[in-house]
């Protein structure tokens, strides 16, 4: 996994970050150290949360969910099973990191870790399960302007709802209980 930092960001890095396996060939990224090929990092960090702990001092972390974690309907065709497997794969690294965050937070609360080396995190999330569940995983390949406007409107609606209900918690308390929501 490689994290592309803002001071080095170029077009090829953005393309690599959005390059889905099975749909596109890997994108070559050249820098002072040579060149490497990359696909979307969703399988190893989706999103990669750990850089946020090391590169910032912020204690509030806002996740914006773009893949549903759960689906009410059971996939029963080969295509639906492949799509759901892809979603599970993309969510696996996020769930792994959230479990690690939860573990550290519990150890801090029990005074088993040194707060000088670990810090408390206030987790927030603009969720998408209720809104995104109606879209199949294959919709990520849909680039029609009308569909993109529909997704934009859903995102705006979710963000406004979150701001209305939870913005006052920022800086004071997390609004997501990892153990209850993700474990």
C-alpha atoms as a PDB file:
ATOM      1  CA  UNK A   1       0.000   0.000   0.000  1.00  0.00           C
ATOM      2  CA  UNK A   2       1.144   3.521  -0.700  1.00  0.00           C
ATOM      3  CA  UNK A   3      -0.404   6.714   0.584  1.00  0.00           C
ATOM      4  CA  UNK A   4      -0.169   9.592  -1.862  1.00  0.00           C
ATOM      5  CA  UNK A   5       0.354  12.786   0.141  1.00  0.00           C
ATOM      6  CA  UNK A   6      -1.085  16.178  -0.789  1.00  0.00           C
ATOM      7  CA  UNK A   7       2.340  17.763  -1.410  1.00  0.00           C
ATOM      8  CA  UNK A   8       3.171  15.143  -4.065  1.00  0.00           C
ATOM      9  CA  UNK A   9      -0.272  14.564  -5.581  1.00  0.00           C
ATOM     10  CA  UNK A  10      -0.457  14.413  -9.373  1.00  0.00           C
ATOM     11  CA  UNK A  11      -3.027  13.303 -11.912  1.00  0.00           C
ATOM     12  CA  UNK A  12      -1.574   9.777 -12.304  1.00  0.00           C
ATOM     13  CA  UNK A  13      -1.889   9.249  -8.543  1.00  0.00           C
ATOM     14  CA  UNK A  14      -5.543  10.292  -8.555  1.00  0.00           C
ATOM     15  CA  UNK A  15      -6.191   7.968 -11.504  1.00  0.00           C
ATOM     16  CA  UNK A  16      -4.446   5.096  -9.696  1.00  0.00           C
ATOM     17  CA  UNK A  17      -6.527   5.729  -6.592  1.00  0.00           C
ATOM     18  CA  UNK A  18      -9.721   5.310  -8.594  1.00  0.00           C
ATOM     19  CA  UNK A  19      -8.531   2.458 -10.825  1.00  0.00           C
ATOM     20  CA  UNK A  20     -10.754  -0.544 -10.187  1.00  0.00           C
ATOM     21  CA  UNK A  21      -9.277  -4.002 -10.751  1.00  0.00           C
ATOM     22  CA  UNK A  22     -11.228  -6.099 -13.258  1.00  0.00           C
ATOM     23  CA  UNK A  23     -12.176  -2.900 -15.082  1.00  0.00           C
ATOM     24  CA  UNK A  24      -8.873  -1.179 -15.833  1.00  0.00           C
ATOM     25  CA  UNK A  25      -5.207  -1.955 -16.165  1.00  0.00           C
ATOM     26  CA  UNK A  26      -3.037  -0.731 -13.290  1.00  0.00           C
ATOM     27  CA  UNK A  27      -1.885   2.892 -13.553  1.00  0.00           C
ATOM     28  CA  UNK A  28       1.841   3.559 -13.715  1.00  0.00           C
ATOM     29  CA  UNK A  29       3.038   6.172 -11.239  1.00  0.00           C
ATOM     30  CA  UNK A  30       6.512   7.585 -11.802  1.00  0.00           C
ATOM     31  CA  UNK A  31       8.451   9.533  -9.210  1.00  0.00           C
ATOM     32  CA  UNK A  32      12.036  10.195  -8.161  1.00  0.00           C
ATOM     33  CA  UNK A  33      12.392   6.585  -6.988  1.00  0.00           C
ATOM     34  CA  UNK A  34      11.301   4.973 -10.259  1.00  0.00           C
ATOM     35  CA  UNK A  35       7.890   3.714 -11.258  1.00  0.00           C
ATOM     36  CA  UNK A  36       5.265   1.412  -9.800  1.00  0.00           C
ATOM     37  CA  UNK A  37       1.847   0.249 -10.951  1.00  0.00           C
ATOM     38  CA  UNK A  38      -1.229   0.730  -8.764  1.00  0.00           C
ATOM     39  CA  UNK A  39      -4.904  -0.138  -8.620  1.00  0.00           C
ATOM     40  CA  UNK A  40      -7.471   1.367  -6.295  1.00  0.00           C
ATOM     41  CA  UNK A  41      -6.272   0.815  -2.750  1.00  0.00           C
ATOM     42  CA  UNK A  42      -9.709  -0.252  -1.591  1.00  0.00           C
ATOM     43  CA  UNK A  43      -8.531  -3.781  -0.916  1.00  0.00           C
ATOM     44  CA  UNK A  44      -5.792  -2.692   1.484  1.00  0.00           C
ATOM     45  CA  UNK A  45      -7.066   0.601   2.846  1.00  0.00           C
ATOM     46  CA  UNK A  46     -10.556   1.804   2.112  1.00  0.00           C
ATOM     47  CA  UNK A  47     -10.045   4.392   3.384  1.00  0.00           C
ATOM     48  CA  UNK A  48      -6.626   4.133   4.958  1.00  0.00           C
ATOM     49  CA  UNK A  49      -7.229   5.582   8.420  1.00  0.00           C
ATOM     50  CA  UNK A  50      -3.839   5.075  10.028  1.00  0.00           C
ATOM     51  CA  UNK A  51      -2.135   7.977   8.202  1.00  0.00           C
ATOM     52  CA  UNK A  52      -4.650  10.300   9.843  1.00  0.00           C
ATOM     53  CA  UNK A  53      -3.367   9.332  13.283  1.00  0.00           C
ATOM     54  CA  UNK A  54       0.258   9.936  12.403  1.00  0.00           C
ATOM     55  CA  UNK A  55      -0.047  12.983  10.139  1.00  0.00           C
ATOM     56  CA  UNK A  56      -2.488  15.060  12.204  1.00  0.00           C
ATOM     57  CA  UNK A  57      -3.260  15.940  15.791  1.00  0.00           C
ATOM     58  CA  UNK A  58      -7.018  16.021  15.224  1.00  0.00           C
ATOM     59  CA  UNK A  59      -9.037  13.762  17.501  1.00  0.00           C
ATOM     60  CA  UNK A  60     -12.225  13.854  15.433  1.00  0.00           C
ATOM     61  CA  UNK A  61     -12.383  11.515  12.458  1.00  0.00           C
ATOM     62  CA  UNK A  62     -15.246  11.840   9.975  1.00  0.00           C
ATOM     63  CA  UNK A  63     -15.873   8.865   7.697  1.00  0.00           C
ATOM     64  CA  UNK A  64     -18.086   9.215   4.670  1.00  0.00           C
ATOM     65  CA  UNK A  65     -19.530   5.849   3.747  1.00  0.00           C
ATOM     66  CA  UNK A  66     -19.726   5.109   0.041  1.00  0.00           C
ATOM     67  CA  UNK A  67     -20.084   1.315   0.150  1.00  0.00           C
ATOM     68  CA  UNK A  68     -22.925  -0.320   2.042  1.00  0.00           C
ATOM     69  CA  UNK A  69     -21.707  -2.516   4.875  1.00  0.00           C
ATOM     70  CA  UNK A  70     -24.887  -4.559   4.904  1.00  0.00           C
ATOM     71  CA  UNK A  71     -27.531  -5.558   2.435  1.00  0.00           C
ATOM     72  CA  UNK A  72     -30.978  -6.805   3.342  1.00  0.00           C
ATOM     73  CA  UNK A  73     -31.335  -8.924   0.222  1.00  0.00           C
ATOM     74  CA  UNK A  74     -29.407 -12.146  -0.209  1.00  0.00           C
ATOM     75  CA  UNK A  75     -27.458 -12.309  -3.490  1.00  0.00           C
ATOM     76  CA  UNK A  76     -28.607 -15.319  -5.479  1.00  0.00           C
ATOM     77  CA  UNK A  77     -27.286 -14.900  -8.999  1.00  0.00           C
ATOM     78  CA  UNK A  78     -23.641 -15.298  -9.967  1.00  0.00           C
ATOM     79  CA  UNK A  79     -23.372 -11.574 -10.781  1.00  0.00           C
ATOM     80  CA  UNK A  80     -24.962 -10.521  -7.478  1.00  0.00           C
ATOM     81  CA  UNK A  81     -22.627 -12.829  -5.554  1.00  0.00           C
ATOM     82  CA  UNK A  82     -19.563 -11.413  -7.344  1.00  0.00           C
ATOM     83  CA  UNK A  83     -20.738  -7.862  -6.660  1.00  0.00           C
ATOM     84  CA  UNK A  84     -21.409  -8.548  -2.972  1.00  0.00           C
ATOM     85  CA  UNK A  85     -18.016 -10.263  -2.630  1.00  0.00           C
ATOM     86  CA  UNK A  86     -16.407  -7.133  -4.056  1.00  0.00           C
ATOM     87  CA  UNK A  87     -18.247  -4.932  -1.546  1.00  0.00           C
ATOM     88  CA  UNK A  88     -17.215  -7.182   1.326  1.00  0.00           C
ATOM     89  CA  UNK A  89     -13.609  -7.080   0.130  1.00  0.00           C
ATOM     90  CA  UNK A  90     -13.596  -3.298  -0.088  1.00  0.00           C
ATOM     91  CA  UNK A  91     -15.141  -2.997   3.395  1.00  0.00           C
ATOM     92  CA  UNK A  92     -12.837  -5.556   5.047  1.00  0.00           C
ATOM     93  CA  UNK A  93      -9.861  -3.222   5.493  1.00  0.00           C
ATOM     94  CA  UNK A  94     -12.092  -0.476   6.915  1.00  0.00           C
ATOM     95  CA  UNK A  95     -13.642  -2.882   9.413  1.00  0.00           C
ATOM     96  CA  UNK A  96     -10.191  -4.141  10.383  1.00  0.00           C
ATOM     97  CA  UNK A  97      -8.956  -0.618  11.099  1.00  0.00           C
ATOM     98  CA  UNK A  98     -12.129   0.270  13.007  1.00  0.00           C
ATOM     99  CA  UNK A  99     -11.725  -2.803  15.195  1.00  0.00           C
ATOM    100  CA  UNK A 100      -8.141  -1.766  15.927  1.00  0.00           C
ATOM    101  CA  UNK A 101      -9.307   1.754  16.832  1.00  0.00           C
ATOM    102  CA  UNK A 102     -11.971   0.328  19.125  1.00  0.00           C
ATOM    103  CA  UNK A 103      -9.432  -1.948  20.816  1.00  0.00           C
ATOM    104  CA  UNK A 104      -7.024   0.928  21.477  1.00  0.00           C
ATOM    105  CA  UNK A 105      -9.870   3.119  22.758  1.00  0.00           C
ATOM    106  CA  UNK A 106     -10.956   0.419  25.216  1.00  0.00           C
ATOM    107  CA  UNK A 107      -7.393  -0.071  26.453  1.00  0.00           C
ATOM    108  CA  UNK A 108      -7.034   3.692  26.941  1.00  0.00           C
ATOM    109  CA  UNK A 109     -10.296   3.806  28.899  1.00  0.00           C
ATOM    110  CA  UNK A 110      -9.049   0.957  31.100  1.00  0.00           C
ATOM    111  CA  UNK A 111      -5.733   2.813  31.625  1.00  0.00           C
ATOM    112  CA  UNK A 112      -3.789  -0.059  30.062  1.00  0.00           C
ATOM    113  CA  UNK A 113      -2.105   2.127  27.422  1.00  0.00           C
ATOM    114  CA  UNK A 114      -0.025   5.239  27.838  1.00  0.00           C
ATOM    115  CA  UNK A 115      -2.007   8.251  26.506  1.00  0.00           C
ATOM    116  CA  UNK A 116       1.320   9.884  25.654  1.00  0.00           C
ATOM    117  CA  UNK A 117       1.758   7.257  22.918  1.00  0.00           C
ATOM    118  CA  UNK A 118      -1.882   6.636  21.966  1.00  0.00           C
ATOM    119  CA  UNK A 119      -4.735   9.066  21.714  1.00  0.00           C
ATOM    120  CA  UNK A 120      -8.457   9.018  21.958  1.00  0.00           C
ATOM    121  CA  UNK A 121     -10.409   9.256  18.729  1.00  0.00           C
ATOM    122  CA  UNK A 122     -13.872  10.686  18.344  1.00  0.00           C
ATOM    123  CA  UNK A 123     -15.373   8.847  15.388  1.00  0.00           C
ATOM    124  CA  UNK A 124     -18.179  10.286  13.270  1.00  0.00           C
ATOM    125  CA  UNK A 125     -19.740   8.910  10.105  1.00  0.00           C
ATOM    126  CA  UNK A 126     -22.005  10.174   7.402  1.00  0.00           C
ATOM    127  CA  UNK A 127     -23.652   6.868   6.621  1.00  0.00           C
ATOM    128  CA  UNK A 128     -24.955   5.561   3.394  1.00  0.00           C
ATOM    129  CA  UNK A 129     -26.427   2.145   4.141  1.00  0.00           C
ATOM    130  CA  UNK A 130     -30.029   3.332   3.951  1.00  0.00           C
ATOM    131  CA  UNK A 131     -29.416   5.388   0.847  1.00  0.00           C
ATOM    132  CA  UNK A 132     -26.882   3.232  -0.991  1.00  0.00           C
ATOM    133  CA  UNK A 133     -28.466  -0.160  -0.416  1.00  0.00           C
ATOM    134  CA  UNK A 134     -30.755   0.213  -3.397  1.00  0.00           C
ATOM    135  CA  UNK A 135     -27.803   0.479  -5.789  1.00  0.00           C
ATOM    136  CA  UNK A 136     -25.990  -2.606  -6.998  1.00  0.00           C
ATOM    137  CA  UNK A 137     -22.216  -2.698  -6.688  1.00  0.00           C
ATOM    138  CA  UNK A 138     -21.988  -2.449 -10.468  1.00  0.00           C
ATOM    139  CA  UNK A 139     -23.410   1.084 -10.235  1.00  0.00           C
ATOM    140  CA  UNK A 140     -19.857   2.308  -9.516  1.00  0.00           C
ATOM    141  CA  UNK A 141     -19.287   1.936 -13.269  1.00  0.00           C
ATOM    142  CA  UNK A 142     -22.262   4.165 -14.104  1.00  0.00           C
ATOM    143  CA  UNK A 143     -20.927   7.523 -15.266  1.00  0.00           C
ATOM    144  CA  UNK A 144     -24.120   8.971 -16.688  1.00  0.00           C
ATOM    145  CA  UNK A 145     -24.455  12.635 -15.612  1.00  0.00           C
ATOM    146  CA  UNK A 146     -28.011  12.091 -14.361  1.00  0.00           C
ATOM    147  CA  UNK A 147     -26.870   9.224 -12.126  1.00  0.00           C
ATOM    148  CA  UNK A 148     -23.929  11.237 -10.794  1.00  0.00           C
ATOM    149  CA  UNK A 149     -26.296  14.126  -9.997  1.00  0.00           C
ATOM    150  CA  UNK A 150     -28.560  11.658  -8.170  1.00  0.00           C
ATOM    151  CA  UNK A 151     -25.618  10.422  -6.066  1.00  0.00           C
ATOM    152  CA  UNK A 152     -24.533  14.003  -5.404  1.00  0.00           C
ATOM    153  CA  UNK A 153     -28.030  14.858  -4.159  1.00  0.00           C
ATOM    154  CA  UNK A 154     -28.073  11.785  -1.895  1.00  0.00           C
ATOM    155  CA  UNK A 155     -24.679  12.739  -0.488  1.00  0.00           C
ATOM    156  CA  UNK A 156     -25.781  16.304   0.138  1.00  0.00           C
ATOM    157  CA  UNK A 157     -28.942  15.074   1.867  1.00  0.00           C
ATOM    158  CA  UNK A 158     -26.924  12.743   4.113  1.00  0.00           C
ATOM    159  CA  UNK A 159     -24.390  15.466   4.949  1.00  0.00           C
ATOM    160  CA  UNK A 160     -27.075  18.024   5.807  1.00  0.00           C
ATOM    161  CA  UNK A 161     -28.866  15.485   7.987  1.00  0.00           C
ATOM    162  CA  UNK A 162     -25.606  14.673   9.794  1.00  0.00           C
ATOM    163  CA  UNK A 163     -24.778  18.355  10.301  1.00  0.00           C
ATOM    164  CA  UNK A 164     -28.243  18.980  11.742  1.00  0.00           C
ATOM    165  CA  UNK A 165     -28.129  16.045  14.152  1.00  0.00           C
ATOM    166  CA  UNK A 166     -24.489  15.583  15.075  1.00  0.00           C
ATOM    167  CA  UNK A 167     -22.291  18.568  14.288  1.00  0.00           C
ATOM    168  CA  UNK A 168     -22.477  19.807  17.878  1.00  0.00           C
ATOM    169  CA  UNK A 169     -20.637  16.664  19.023  1.00  0.00           C
ATOM    170  CA  UNK A 170     -17.480  17.473  17.040  1.00  0.00           C
ATOM    171  CA  UNK A 171     -14.701  18.319  19.466  1.00  0.00           C
ATOM    172  CA  UNK A 172     -16.627  16.848  22.391  1.00  0.00           C
ATOM    173  CA  UNK A 173     -17.664  13.228  21.747  1.00  0.00           C
ATOM    174  CA  UNK A 174     -17.796  10.648  19.007  1.00  0.00           C
ATOM    175  CA  UNK A 175     -21.130   9.921  17.371  1.00  0.00           C
ATOM    176  CA  UNK A 176     -20.359   6.345  16.301  1.00  0.00           C
ATOM    177  CA  UNK A 177     -19.890   3.509  18.715  1.00  0.00           C
ATOM    178  CA  UNK A 178     -17.610   1.189  16.804  1.00  0.00           C
ATOM    179  CA  UNK A 179     -18.402  -1.944  18.828  1.00  0.00           C
ATOM    180  CA  UNK A 180     -22.153  -1.489  18.370  1.00  0.00           C
ATOM    181  CA  UNK A 181     -22.044  -0.385  14.745  1.00  0.00           C
ATOM    182  CA  UNK A 182     -19.295  -2.450  13.147  1.00  0.00           C
ATOM    183  CA  UNK A 183     -18.449  -5.453  15.306  1.00  0.00           C
END
